[in-house]
Amino acid sequence: MNKRFGKNDIILLLILLAVAVAGIYFFYFRRAEQGNQVQIMVDGEVFGTYSLTDEQEIKIPNASGITTNILSIKDGKAKMIDADCPDKLCEYQNAISQSGETIVCLPNKVIVIVAGDDEDEFDAFSK
């Protein structure tokens, strides 16, 4: 017989569809915890921790002390507004405010991480 779709094929497609819908819900619709602070790391070292409730602009220097990035904290969100790297990809990343979100500037070795209420320190960081 040359059946294209049988009963088992339809059941398999329904299972795959259910897994896909569950995955979309888990990754896109699940509400993450609102963060209350950002931690800035430069070249693997903690540069500083700042509250998301205080509106400010933070100048982030490299190891030589030259300002390479500027992070803006406004309306409870952090956004990289200036970088001297050639691609400026960190400037195009969305503003972050949810716990665990990050902004990364690879050429300048800058990482900005949002921490929530429960997180005073990070479990691990890899260079």
N, C-alpha and C. Protein backbone atom coordinates (compact mmCIF):
# COMPACT_ATOMS: atom_id res chain seq x y z
N MET A 1 0.83 -1.18 0.00
CA MET A 1 0.00 0.00 0.00
C MET A 1 0.87 1.24 0.00
N ASN A 2 0.38 2.29 -0.62
CA ASN A 2 1.10 3.55 -0.71
C ASN A 2 0.39 4.65 0.07
N LYS A 3 0.11 4.41 1.33
CA LYS A 3 -0.54 5.43 2.16
C LYS A 3 0.49 6.51 2.51
N ARG A 4 0.11 7.75 2.37
CA ARG A 4 1.02 8.84 2.70
C ARG A 4 0.97 9.14 4.21
N PHE A 5 -0.20 9.24 4.75
CA PHE A 5 -0.35 9.51 6.18
C PHE A 5 -1.23 8.45 6.80
N GLY A 6 -0.71 7.88 7.85
CA GLY A 6 -1.48 6.91 8.60
C GLY A 6 -1.85 7.48 9.96
N LYS A 7 -2.50 6.70 10.76
CA LYS A 7 -2.92 7.11 12.10
C LYS A 7 -1.70 7.46 12.96
N ASN A 8 -0.64 6.68 12.90
CA ASN A 8 0.56 6.93 13.70
C ASN A 8 1.27 8.22 13.28
N ASP A 9 1.23 8.53 11.98
CA ASP A 9 1.85 9.77 11.51
C ASP A 9 1.11 10.99 12.07
N ILE A 10 -0.18 10.94 12.09
CA ILE A 10 -0.98 12.05 12.63
C ILE A 10 -0.73 12.21 14.12
N ILE A 11 -0.65 11.10 14.85
CA ILE A 11 -0.36 11.17 16.29
C ILE A 11 1.02 11.78 16.52
N LEU A 12 2.01 11.39 15.73
CA LEU A 12 3.36 11.95 15.85
C LEU A 12 3.34 13.46 15.57
N LEU A 13 2.64 13.89 14.55
CA LEU A 13 2.55 15.32 14.24
C LEU A 13 1.87 16.10 15.37
N LEU A 14 0.84 15.54 15.97
CA LEU A 14 0.16 16.20 17.08
C LEU A 14 1.08 16.32 18.30
N ILE A 15 1.86 15.29 18.56
CA ILE A 15 2.81 15.34 19.68
C ILE A 15 3.87 16.40 19.43
N LEU A 16 4.41 16.45 18.22
CA LEU A 16 5.41 17.47 17.87
C LEU A 16 4.83 18.88 17.96
N LEU A 17 3.60 19.05 17.54
CA LEU A 17 2.93 20.35 17.64
C LEU A 17 2.75 20.76 19.10
N ALA A 18 2.37 19.81 19.95
CA ALA A 18 2.20 20.10 21.38
C ALA A 18 3.53 20.49 22.03
N VAL A 19 4.61 19.80 21.67
CA VAL A 19 5.93 20.14 22.20
C VAL A 19 6.36 21.53 21.72
N ALA A 20 6.09 21.86 20.47
CA ALA A 20 6.45 23.18 19.93
C ALA A 20 5.67 24.29 20.65
N VAL A 21 4.39 24.09 20.87
CA VAL A 21 3.57 25.09 21.57
C VAL A 21 4.06 25.26 23.01
N ALA A 22 4.38 24.16 23.67
CA ALA A 22 4.90 24.25 25.04
C ALA A 22 6.24 24.99 25.07
N GLY A 23 7.09 24.74 24.09
CA GLY A 23 8.37 25.44 24.01
C GLY A 23 8.19 26.93 23.79
N ILE A 24 7.30 27.30 22.91
CA ILE A 24 7.03 28.72 22.68
C ILE A 24 6.51 29.38 23.95
N TYR A 25 5.59 28.73 24.63
CA TYR A 25 5.07 29.29 25.88
C TYR A 25 6.19 29.46 26.90
N PHE A 26 7.02 28.45 27.05
CA PHE A 26 8.08 28.48 28.06
C PHE A 26 9.07 29.60 27.80
N PHE A 27 9.50 29.78 26.56
CA PHE A 27 10.55 30.74 26.25
C PHE A 27 10.05 32.15 25.99
N TYR A 28 8.82 32.31 25.53
CA TYR A 28 8.38 33.64 25.13
C TYR A 28 7.30 34.24 26.02
N PHE A 29 6.43 33.45 26.58
CA PHE A 29 5.30 33.99 27.31
C PHE A 29 5.43 33.90 28.82
N ARG A 30 6.39 33.14 29.28
CA ARG A 30 6.60 33.03 30.71
C ARG A 30 7.21 34.32 31.21
N ARG A 31 6.63 34.92 32.20
CA ARG A 31 7.09 36.21 32.72
C ARG A 31 8.31 36.00 33.61
N ALA A 32 9.40 36.67 33.27
CA ALA A 32 10.61 36.59 34.08
C ALA A 32 10.51 37.57 35.24
N GLU A 33 11.31 37.34 36.24
CA GLU A 33 11.33 38.19 37.42
C GLU A 33 11.97 39.53 37.08
N GLN A 34 11.33 40.60 37.53
CA GLN A 34 11.87 41.94 37.33
C GLN A 34 13.14 42.10 38.17
N GLY A 35 14.20 42.57 37.55
CA GLY A 35 15.45 42.77 38.26
C GLY A 35 15.45 44.11 38.99
N ASN A 36 16.34 44.23 39.98
CA ASN A 36 16.42 45.50 40.70
C ASN A 36 17.82 46.12 40.64
N GLN A 37 18.77 45.42 40.03
CA GLN A 37 20.11 45.98 39.93
C GLN A 37 20.84 45.38 38.73
N VAL A 38 21.86 46.11 38.26
CA VAL A 38 22.71 45.59 37.19
C VAL A 38 24.13 45.50 37.71
N GLN A 39 24.80 44.45 37.28
CA GLN A 39 26.21 44.29 37.63
C GLN A 39 27.01 44.43 36.33
N ILE A 40 28.03 45.27 36.37
CA ILE A 40 28.87 45.50 35.20
C ILE A 40 30.20 44.81 35.44
N MET A 41 30.62 44.02 34.45
CA MET A 41 31.90 43.33 34.52
C MET A 41 32.74 43.78 33.34
N VAL A 42 34.01 44.08 33.62
CA VAL A 42 34.96 44.48 32.58
C VAL A 42 36.14 43.53 32.65
N ASP A 43 36.39 42.84 31.56
CA ASP A 43 37.49 41.89 31.46
C ASP A 43 37.47 40.86 32.59
N GLY A 44 36.26 40.38 32.94
CA GLY A 44 36.12 39.35 33.96
C GLY A 44 36.11 39.84 35.39
N GLU A 45 36.31 41.12 35.61
CA GLU A 45 36.32 41.68 36.96
C GLU A 45 35.07 42.54 37.15
N VAL A 46 34.51 42.52 38.37
CA VAL A 46 33.33 43.33 38.67
C VAL A 46 33.74 44.80 38.70
N PHE A 47 33.10 45.59 37.84
CA PHE A 47 33.35 47.02 37.81
C PHE A 47 32.44 47.74 38.81
N GLY A 48 31.18 47.29 38.89
CA GLY A 48 30.26 47.91 39.83
C GLY A 48 28.88 47.31 39.74
N THR A 49 28.08 47.57 40.78
CA THR A 49 26.68 47.14 40.83
C THR A 49 25.83 48.38 41.06
N TYR A 50 24.80 48.54 40.22
CA TYR A 50 24.00 49.76 40.24
C TYR A 50 22.52 49.42 40.31
N SER A 51 21.76 50.24 41.00
CA SER A 51 20.33 50.04 41.13
C SER A 51 19.62 50.45 39.84
N LEU A 52 18.59 49.70 39.47
CA LEU A 52 17.79 50.05 38.31
C LEU A 52 16.76 51.13 38.62
N THR A 53 16.62 51.47 39.90
CA THR A 53 15.66 52.50 40.28
C THR A 53 16.25 53.91 40.19
N ASP A 54 17.58 54.01 40.18
CA ASP A 54 18.24 55.32 40.08
C ASP A 54 18.60 55.61 38.64
N GLU A 55 18.05 56.71 38.09
CA GLU A 55 18.38 57.09 36.72
C GLU A 55 19.78 57.68 36.69
N GLN A 56 20.64 57.10 35.82
CA GLN A 56 22.02 57.56 35.75
C GLN A 56 22.68 57.06 34.47
N GLU A 57 23.80 57.69 34.14
CA GLU A 57 24.65 57.24 33.05
C GLU A 57 25.98 56.83 33.65
N ILE A 58 26.42 55.62 33.32
CA ILE A 58 27.64 55.07 33.90
C ILE A 58 28.70 54.98 32.80
N LYS A 59 29.82 55.63 33.01
CA LYS A 59 30.94 55.54 32.08
C LYS A 59 31.79 54.34 32.47
N ILE A 60 31.99 53.45 31.53
CA ILE A 60 32.69 52.20 31.79
C ILE A 60 34.07 52.27 31.13
N PRO A 61 35.14 52.28 31.93
CA PRO A 61 36.48 52.36 31.35
C PRO A 61 37.08 50.97 31.12
N ASN A 62 38.09 50.92 30.26
CA ASN A 62 38.85 49.69 30.06
C ASN A 62 39.97 49.63 31.10
N ALA A 63 40.88 48.69 30.98
CA ALA A 63 41.96 48.51 31.95
C ALA A 63 42.89 49.73 32.00
N SER A 64 42.98 50.48 30.89
CA SER A 64 43.84 51.67 30.84
C SER A 64 43.17 52.91 31.42
N GLY A 65 41.90 52.79 31.78
CA GLY A 65 41.17 53.93 32.34
C GLY A 65 40.46 54.77 31.30
N ILE A 66 40.50 54.38 30.04
CA ILE A 66 39.83 55.12 28.98
C ILE A 66 38.38 54.64 28.88
N THR A 67 37.43 55.58 28.87
CA THR A 67 36.02 55.22 28.77
C THR A 67 35.74 54.59 27.42
N THR A 68 35.22 53.37 27.45
CA THR A 68 34.91 52.66 26.21
C THR A 68 33.42 52.53 25.97
N ASN A 69 32.62 52.46 27.04
CA ASN A 69 31.18 52.28 26.93
C ASN A 69 30.47 53.22 27.89
N ILE A 70 29.23 53.56 27.54
CA ILE A 70 28.37 54.33 28.44
C ILE A 70 27.05 53.59 28.55
N LEU A 71 26.68 53.25 29.78
CA LEU A 71 25.43 52.54 30.07
C LEU A 71 24.45 53.53 30.67
N SER A 72 23.23 53.56 30.15
CA SER A 72 22.19 54.44 30.68
C SER A 72 21.16 53.60 31.44
N ILE A 73 20.83 54.05 32.64
CA ILE A 73 19.76 53.42 33.42
C ILE A 73 18.64 54.44 33.51
N LYS A 74 17.48 54.07 32.95
CA LYS A 74 16.35 54.98 32.90
C LYS A 74 15.06 54.18 32.89
N ASP A 75 14.07 54.60 33.65
CA ASP A 75 12.76 53.93 33.72
C ASP A 75 12.88 52.45 34.10
N GLY A 76 13.84 52.11 34.94
CA GLY A 76 14.01 50.74 35.41
C GLY A 76 14.65 49.81 34.39
N LYS A 77 15.25 50.37 33.34
CA LYS A 77 15.89 49.57 32.30
C LYS A 77 17.30 50.08 32.06
N ALA A 78 18.18 49.18 31.67
CA ALA A 78 19.56 49.54 31.35
C ALA A 78 19.79 49.34 29.86
N LYS A 79 20.46 50.32 29.24
CA LYS A 79 20.74 50.25 27.81
C LYS A 79 22.12 50.84 27.55
N MET A 80 22.87 50.16 26.68
CA MET A 80 24.18 50.66 26.27
C MET A 80 23.93 51.75 25.23
N ILE A 81 24.30 52.99 25.55
CA ILE A 81 24.01 54.09 24.63
C ILE A 81 25.22 54.52 23.81
N ASP A 82 26.42 54.12 24.23
CA ASP A 82 27.61 54.48 23.46
C ASP A 82 28.70 53.45 23.69
N ALA A 83 29.41 53.16 22.61
CA ALA A 83 30.55 52.23 22.68
C ALA A 83 31.54 52.63 21.59
N ASP A 84 32.81 52.50 21.89
CA ASP A 84 33.82 52.86 20.89
C ASP A 84 34.28 51.67 20.05
N CYS A 85 33.60 50.53 20.17
CA CYS A 85 33.97 49.36 19.37
C CYS A 85 33.50 49.57 17.92
N PRO A 86 34.12 48.86 16.97
CA PRO A 86 33.81 49.10 15.56
C PRO A 86 32.41 48.67 15.13
N ASP A 87 31.88 47.58 15.68
CA ASP A 87 30.58 47.09 15.22
C ASP A 87 29.38 47.69 15.97
N LYS A 88 29.59 48.16 17.18
CA LYS A 88 28.55 48.78 18.01
C LYS A 88 27.31 47.90 18.20
N LEU A 89 27.49 46.58 18.20
CA LEU A 89 26.35 45.67 18.37
C LEU A 89 25.69 45.83 19.74
N CYS A 90 26.48 46.16 20.75
CA CYS A 90 25.90 46.32 22.09
C CYS A 90 24.92 47.50 22.14
N GLU A 91 25.12 48.50 21.30
CA GLU A 91 24.19 49.64 21.26
C GLU A 91 22.85 49.24 20.66
N TYR A 92 22.85 48.22 19.79
CA TYR A 92 21.62 47.78 19.13
C TYR A 92 20.84 46.76 19.95
N GLN A 93 21.41 46.27 21.04
CA GLN A 93 20.69 45.33 21.89
C GLN A 93 19.59 46.08 22.64
N ASN A 94 18.49 45.41 22.89
CA ASN A 94 17.37 46.02 23.59
C ASN A 94 17.75 46.37 25.02
N ALA A 95 17.02 47.33 25.59
CA ALA A 95 17.19 47.66 27.00
C ALA A 95 16.81 46.44 27.83
N ILE A 96 17.50 46.24 28.95
CA ILE A 96 17.27 45.05 29.78
C ILE A 96 16.74 45.45 31.15
N SER A 97 15.85 44.61 31.69
CA SER A 97 15.30 44.86 33.03
C SER A 97 14.90 43.57 33.75
N GLN A 98 14.81 42.46 33.03
CA GLN A 98 14.40 41.19 33.62
C GLN A 98 15.62 40.46 34.17
N SER A 99 15.45 39.79 35.27
CA SER A 99 16.53 39.06 35.91
C SER A 99 17.16 38.06 34.95
N GLY A 100 18.48 38.10 34.83
CA GLY A 100 19.21 37.18 33.97
C GLY A 100 19.51 37.73 32.59
N GLU A 101 18.90 38.83 32.18
CA GLU A 101 19.19 39.40 30.87
C GLU A 101 20.58 40.03 30.85
N THR A 102 21.19 40.07 29.68
CA THR A 102 22.55 40.61 29.58
C THR A 102 22.70 41.50 28.35
N ILE A 103 23.67 42.38 28.44
CA ILE A 103 24.19 43.14 27.30
C ILE A 103 25.68 42.83 27.26
N VAL A 104 26.19 42.48 26.09
CA VAL A 104 27.59 42.10 25.97
C VAL A 104 28.26 42.94 24.89
N CYS A 105 29.43 43.48 25.19
CA CYS A 105 30.28 44.16 24.22
C CYS A 105 31.58 43.37 24.17
N LEU A 106 31.68 42.48 23.19
CA LEU A 106 32.85 41.60 23.12
C LEU A 106 34.16 42.33 22.87
N PRO A 107 34.23 43.29 21.94
CA PRO A 107 35.53 43.93 21.71
C PRO A 107 36.08 44.64 22.95
N ASN A 108 35.20 45.21 23.77
CA ASN A 108 35.64 45.92 24.96
C ASN A 108 35.60 45.06 26.22
N LYS A 109 35.18 43.80 26.08
CA LYS A 109 35.10 42.85 27.19
C LYS A 109 34.22 43.35 28.33
N VAL A 110 33.05 43.92 27.96
CA VAL A 110 32.10 44.46 28.93
C VAL A 110 30.85 43.59 28.92
N ILE A 111 30.39 43.21 30.13
CA ILE A 111 29.16 42.43 30.29
C ILE A 111 28.31 43.13 31.34
N VAL A 112 27.03 43.36 31.00
CA VAL A 112 26.07 43.95 31.93
C VAL A 112 25.02 42.88 32.20
N ILE A 113 24.79 42.55 33.47
CA ILE A 113 23.87 41.48 33.85
C ILE A 113 22.85 42.04 34.84
N VAL A 114 21.56 41.73 34.60
CA VAL A 114 20.50 42.14 35.52
C VAL A 114 20.33 41.07 36.59
N ALA A 115 20.26 41.50 37.85
CA ALA A 115 20.05 40.59 38.98
C ALA A 115 18.73 40.93 39.64
N GLY A 116 18.04 39.90 40.14
CA GLY A 116 16.76 40.09 40.81
C GLY A 116 16.93 40.26 42.30
N ASP A 117 15.80 40.24 43.01
CA ASP A 117 15.80 40.42 44.46
C ASP A 117 16.53 39.31 45.19
N ASP A 118 16.42 38.07 44.70
CA ASP A 118 17.00 36.93 45.40
C ASP A 118 18.50 36.82 45.18
N GLU A 119 19.01 37.47 44.15
CA GLU A 119 20.39 37.25 43.75
C GLU A 119 21.29 38.37 44.25
N ASP A 120 22.09 38.08 45.26
CA ASP A 120 23.07 39.04 45.72
C ASP A 120 24.38 38.86 44.98
N GLU A 121 24.68 37.62 44.62
CA GLU A 121 25.89 37.31 43.90
C GLU A 121 25.56 36.31 42.81
N PHE A 122 26.41 36.22 41.82
CA PHE A 122 26.22 35.27 40.74
C PHE A 122 26.90 33.96 41.12
N ASP A 123 26.34 32.87 40.66
CA ASP A 123 26.89 31.56 40.98
C ASP A 123 28.25 31.35 40.34
N ALA A 124 28.37 31.74 39.07
CA ALA A 124 29.64 31.53 38.37
C ALA A 124 29.77 32.51 37.23
N PHE A 125 31.00 32.79 36.87
CA PHE A 125 31.28 33.62 35.72
C PHE A 125 32.52 33.08 35.05
N SER A 126 32.46 32.95 33.76
CA SER A 126 33.59 32.38 33.03
C SER A 126 34.20 33.43 32.14
N LYS A 127 35.53 33.48 32.13
CA LYS A 127 36.21 34.45 31.27
C LYS A 127 36.25 33.96 29.85
